[in-house]
Protein backbone atom coordinates (compact mmCIF):
# COMPACT_ATOMS: atom_id res chain seq x y z
CA MET A 1 150.12 127.51 81.79
CA GLY A 2 149.63 124.75 84.37
CA LYS A 3 147.71 122.08 82.45
CA SER A 4 150.14 119.33 83.50
CA THR A 5 149.91 120.51 87.12
CA LEU A 6 146.12 120.46 86.81
CA LEU A 7 146.11 116.91 85.46
CA ASN A 8 148.42 115.74 88.26
CA THR A 9 145.86 117.14 90.73
CA ILE A 10 143.03 115.34 88.94
CA VAL A 11 144.74 111.94 88.80
CA LYS A 12 146.19 112.45 92.30
CA GLN A 13 149.75 111.54 91.37
CA ASP A 14 152.78 113.16 89.72
CA ARG A 15 152.18 111.47 86.40
CA PHE A 16 152.67 114.44 84.09
CA ILE A 17 155.82 116.52 83.64
CA THR A 18 155.65 119.99 85.19
CA SER A 19 157.99 122.97 85.12
CA ASP A 20 157.99 126.72 85.69
CA GLU A 21 158.83 127.07 82.01
CA GLU A 22 156.03 127.01 79.43
CA ASN A 23 155.61 124.21 76.87
CA THR A 24 157.50 121.54 78.82
CA THR A 25 155.32 118.76 77.37
CA ARG A 26 156.47 117.80 73.87
CA GLU A 27 154.38 114.69 73.22
CA SER A 28 151.18 113.22 74.63
CA ILE A 29 151.37 111.33 77.94
CA ASP A 30 148.44 109.15 79.05
CA SER A 31 147.11 108.22 82.48
CA LEU A 32 144.00 106.24 83.45
CA SER A 33 142.11 107.57 86.46
CA LEU A 34 138.66 107.73 88.06
CA PHE A 35 137.11 111.20 87.70
CA GLY A 36 133.48 111.94 88.49
CA ASN A 37 133.01 108.18 89.09
CA ILE A 38 133.97 107.61 85.44
CA ASN A 39 137.06 105.79 84.22
CA VAL A 40 138.91 108.36 82.15
CA LEU A 41 142.06 108.08 80.05
CA PHE A 42 143.69 111.51 80.32
CA SER A 43 146.16 112.59 77.62
CA ASP A 44 148.42 115.53 78.41
CA THR A 45 149.25 116.99 75.00
CA ALA A 46 151.99 119.34 73.97
CA GLY A 47 150.84 122.93 74.38
CA LEU A 48 149.26 124.40 71.28
CA PHE A 49 151.52 127.39 70.88
CA LYS A 50 153.28 129.54 68.30
CA LYS A 51 157.06 129.63 68.51
CA ASN A 52 157.06 132.69 66.27
CA LYS A 53 154.98 134.30 63.56
CA ASN A 54 155.50 131.52 61.02
CA ASP A 55 156.37 128.47 63.13
CA PHE A 56 153.64 126.57 64.97
CA SER A 57 156.02 123.90 66.31
CA LEU A 58 154.43 121.44 63.89
CA LEU A 59 155.46 118.17 65.56
CA SER A 60 153.88 119.18 68.87
CA LEU A 61 150.89 120.69 67.09
CA ASN A 62 150.18 117.57 65.03
CA ASP A 63 150.48 115.36 68.11
CA ALA A 64 147.99 117.55 69.98
CA TYR A 65 145.52 117.65 67.08
CA ASN A 66 145.70 113.86 66.70
CA THR A 67 144.90 113.48 70.40
CA ILE A 68 141.97 115.91 70.03
CA GLU A 69 140.65 113.95 67.06
CA PHE A 70 140.35 110.73 69.07
CA SER A 71 139.17 112.31 72.33
CA ASP A 72 135.62 112.21 73.65
CA ILE A 73 136.01 115.44 75.66
CA VAL A 74 138.70 118.10 75.40
CA PHE A 75 139.95 120.16 78.34
CA LEU A 76 141.16 123.44 76.81
CA VAL A 77 143.28 125.18 79.46
CA VAL A 78 143.91 128.93 79.17
CA GLU A 79 145.19 131.56 81.59
CA ALA A 80 143.09 134.03 83.55
CA ASN A 81 145.69 136.79 83.31
CA LYS A 82 145.87 136.72 79.51
CA LYS A 83 143.42 137.44 76.72
CA LEU A 84 142.74 134.62 74.32
CA SER A 85 145.22 134.83 71.47
CA ALA A 86 144.12 134.61 67.83
CA PHE A 87 145.67 131.15 67.82
CA GLU A 88 143.64 129.99 70.85
CA LYS A 89 140.48 131.34 69.22
CA LYS A 90 141.37 129.32 66.14
CA ILE A 91 141.54 126.21 68.32
CA ILE A 92 138.09 126.94 69.78
CA SER A 93 136.77 127.43 66.25
CA HIS A 94 138.29 124.09 65.27
CA LEU A 95 136.62 122.38 68.23
CA THR A 96 133.18 123.86 67.47
CA VAL A 97 133.34 123.25 63.71
CA SER A 98 134.49 119.65 64.19
CA LYS A 99 131.78 119.19 66.86
CA LYS A 100 134.23 118.27 69.59
CA ASN A 101 132.80 118.50 73.09
CA PHE A 102 135.07 120.58 75.30
CA LEU A 103 135.41 122.36 78.63
CA LEU A 104 137.10 125.77 78.64
CA ILE A 105 139.20 125.76 81.80
CA ILE A 106 140.51 129.14 82.93
CA ASN A 107 143.53 128.54 85.13
CA LYS A 108 145.12 130.84 87.74
CA SER A 109 141.80 131.78 89.35
CA ASP A 110 143.79 132.66 92.49
CA LEU A 111 144.67 135.93 90.69
CA ILE A 112 140.98 136.90 90.44
CA GLU A 113 139.23 138.95 93.14
CA ASN A 114 135.66 139.15 91.80
CA LYS A 115 135.06 135.92 89.88
CA LYS A 116 131.56 136.79 88.61
CA PHE A 117 132.69 140.17 87.26
CA PHE A 118 135.80 138.56 85.76
CA LEU A 119 133.85 135.82 84.00
CA ASN A 120 131.35 138.24 82.44
CA LYS A 121 134.17 140.47 81.21
CA TYR A 122 136.23 137.51 79.97
CA ILE A 123 133.30 136.22 77.89
CA SER A 124 132.62 139.72 76.53
CA ASP A 125 136.27 140.31 75.61
CA ASN A 126 137.11 136.88 74.24
CA LEU A 127 134.18 134.71 73.24
CA THR A 128 131.33 136.73 71.76
CA GLN A 129 132.63 136.20 68.22
CA PHE A 130 131.43 132.59 68.43
CA THR A 131 127.75 132.14 67.59
CA ASN A 132 127.23 129.53 70.32
CA PHE A 133 129.45 131.13 72.99
CA ASP A 134 126.57 131.28 75.47
CA SER A 135 126.49 127.47 75.58
CA PHE A 136 130.22 127.00 76.29
CA LEU A 137 131.01 125.18 79.51
CA ILE A 138 133.51 127.35 81.38
CA THR A 139 135.10 126.70 84.76
CA LEU A 140 137.67 128.54 86.87
CA VAL A 141 140.49 126.63 88.55
CA SER A 142 143.80 127.22 90.25
CA ALA A 143 146.09 124.29 89.43
CA LYS A 144 148.70 125.70 91.79
CA GLN A 145 146.37 125.97 94.79
CA GLN A 146 144.14 123.05 93.73
CA ASN A 147 140.98 125.17 93.77
CA GLY A 148 137.92 124.60 91.58
CA ILE A 149 138.58 120.89 91.02
CA LYS A 150 135.21 119.81 92.46
CA SER A 151 133.39 122.22 90.15
CA LEU A 152 135.41 120.93 87.18
CA GLU A 153 134.58 117.35 88.14
CA SER A 154 130.86 118.15 88.36
CA LYS A 155 130.81 119.88 84.96
CA PHE A 156 132.78 117.06 83.37
CA LYS A 157 130.38 114.45 84.77
CA ASN A 158 127.37 116.40 83.49
CA LEU A 159 128.94 116.87 80.04
CA TYR A 160 129.75 113.15 79.83
CA LYS A 161 126.09 112.40 80.52
CA LEU A 162 124.90 114.91 77.90
CA ILE A 163 127.11 113.65 75.07
CA ASN A 164 125.82 110.10 75.60
CA SER A 165 122.14 111.11 75.59
CA ARG A 166 119.58 109.15 73.57
CA PHE A 167 116.28 110.60 72.35
CA SER A 168 113.20 108.87 70.93
CA THR A 169 112.17 109.63 67.37
CA GLY A 170 108.82 110.86 68.68
CA LYS A 171 110.44 113.49 70.88
CA LEU A 172 112.73 114.64 68.08
CA MET A 173 109.79 114.95 65.67
CA ARG A 174 107.91 117.07 68.23
CA VAL A 175 110.88 119.42 68.58
CA LEU A 176 111.12 119.66 64.79
CA GLY A 177 107.40 120.41 64.53
CA ASN A 178 107.67 123.24 67.07
CA LEU A 179 110.72 124.63 65.30
CA LEU A 180 108.98 124.76 61.92
CA LYS A 181 105.91 126.41 63.48
CA ASP A 182 108.13 129.19 64.81
CA LYS A 183 110.21 129.68 61.68
CA PRO A 184 109.98 128.30 58.11
CA ILE A 185 113.08 126.78 56.53
CA LEU A 186 115.21 129.33 54.67
CA SER A 187 116.46 128.25 51.24
CA THR A 188 119.50 129.34 49.23
CA SER A 189 117.41 128.97 46.04
CA ARG A 190 114.19 130.65 44.91
CA ASN A 191 113.22 127.54 42.95
CA LYS A 192 114.08 124.89 45.52
CA THR A 193 112.14 124.62 48.76
CA PRO A 194 113.69 122.33 51.39
CA LYS A 195 111.21 120.02 53.10
CA ILE A 196 112.11 117.87 56.11
CA LYS A 197 109.89 114.79 56.37
CA TYR A 198 111.52 112.74 59.08
CA LEU A 199 114.46 112.55 61.49
CA HIS A 200 115.98 110.18 64.01
CA GLN A 201 119.08 109.99 66.18
CA GLY A 202 122.18 108.29 64.83
CA ARG A 203 125.22 108.08 67.08
CA VAL A 204 126.17 109.75 70.35
CA ASN A 205 129.21 111.90 71.21
CA PRO A 206 128.30 114.16 69.69
CA VAL A 207 124.54 113.65 69.61
CA THR A 208 123.92 113.19 65.88
CA LEU A 209 120.53 113.74 64.25
CA ILE A 210 119.79 112.48 60.73
CA PHE A 211 117.21 114.41 58.69
CA TYR A 212 115.41 113.04 55.61
CA GLY A 213 113.52 115.07 53.02
CA LYS A 214 113.73 116.93 49.72
CA ASN A 215 116.15 119.67 48.65
CA LEU A 216 117.85 119.62 52.04
CA ASN A 217 121.17 120.68 50.46
CA TYR A 218 119.56 124.09 49.85
CA ILE A 219 118.99 124.91 53.54
CA GLN A 220 120.80 128.14 54.44
CA LYS A 221 123.81 127.74 56.73
CA ASN A 222 122.50 130.38 59.15
CA PHE A 223 119.23 128.47 59.41
CA ILE A 224 121.14 125.27 60.20
CA LYS A 225 122.92 127.13 63.02
CA TYR A 226 119.51 128.31 64.25
CA MET A 227 118.28 124.70 64.15
CA GLU A 228 121.31 123.54 66.15
CA ARG A 229 120.69 126.14 68.87
CA TYR A 230 116.98 125.28 68.93
CA PHE A 231 117.54 121.54 69.32
CA ILE A 232 120.27 122.04 71.95
CA LYS A 233 117.91 124.19 74.02
CA SER A 234 114.85 121.97 73.50
CA LEU A 235 116.76 118.78 74.37
CA SER A 236 118.54 120.39 77.36
CA LEU A 237 121.95 119.79 75.81
CA ASN A 238 123.46 123.16 76.77
CA GLY A 239 127.22 122.88 76.94
CA SER A 240 127.48 120.01 74.45
CA GLN A 241 127.81 119.81 70.68
CA ILE A 242 125.22 118.52 68.23
CA ARG A 243 125.74 117.29 64.67
CA PHE A 244 123.21 117.23 61.82
CA ILE A 245 123.28 114.97 58.77
CA PHE A 246 120.90 115.76 55.90
CA LYS A 247 119.80 113.10 53.40
CA ASN A 248 117.67 113.75 50.33
């Protein structure tokens, strides 16, 4: 699908194996390069693909997932002329659930006439099943014609800045106060009322917020998702992931 060709364009050398055949890469290959004025170690993984209904090419799959696990940002490359497969949607779900920051890169943009119309339709057809789809960072490129690389570089640089953001406890408490004014916490129990007393930021990448209070294990999952969207919007973190930790 052109991910190795794309990475060769980014690092400005023929470092990664390319071929007209799909799934040429069988194990991760690394290359250090400057991208967006940031030193980046790129890992070209084996393609995450199904050989058949029951075989996920496990060796390649495990290698790719291990690389994802230890990556700061994931470039997920898909093709403009194909709908997202159920398997690719599963990968996106894995990235969002595990709070991995990623860029969805749609390759073969040279096949698209009206890019704005295409992008709206692509999102409608492929991504609306994800609750936070409207915050996904998506970019169009043509690895073959080397188009869209500047836009990709800009979005990568911005995402790198977002995932390393630090926020004062005072600012976080103000956001929490506004959130609770708009909507009370929803509980999974009639007898247990969750109360958040305090929060602060823990680590970065992803931005991790630690909440302290009583009965926090009873907060409804849908309300937690609402909280995530609220904090992402309030902290201008659109396009990045956020993780919550609750402590009673």
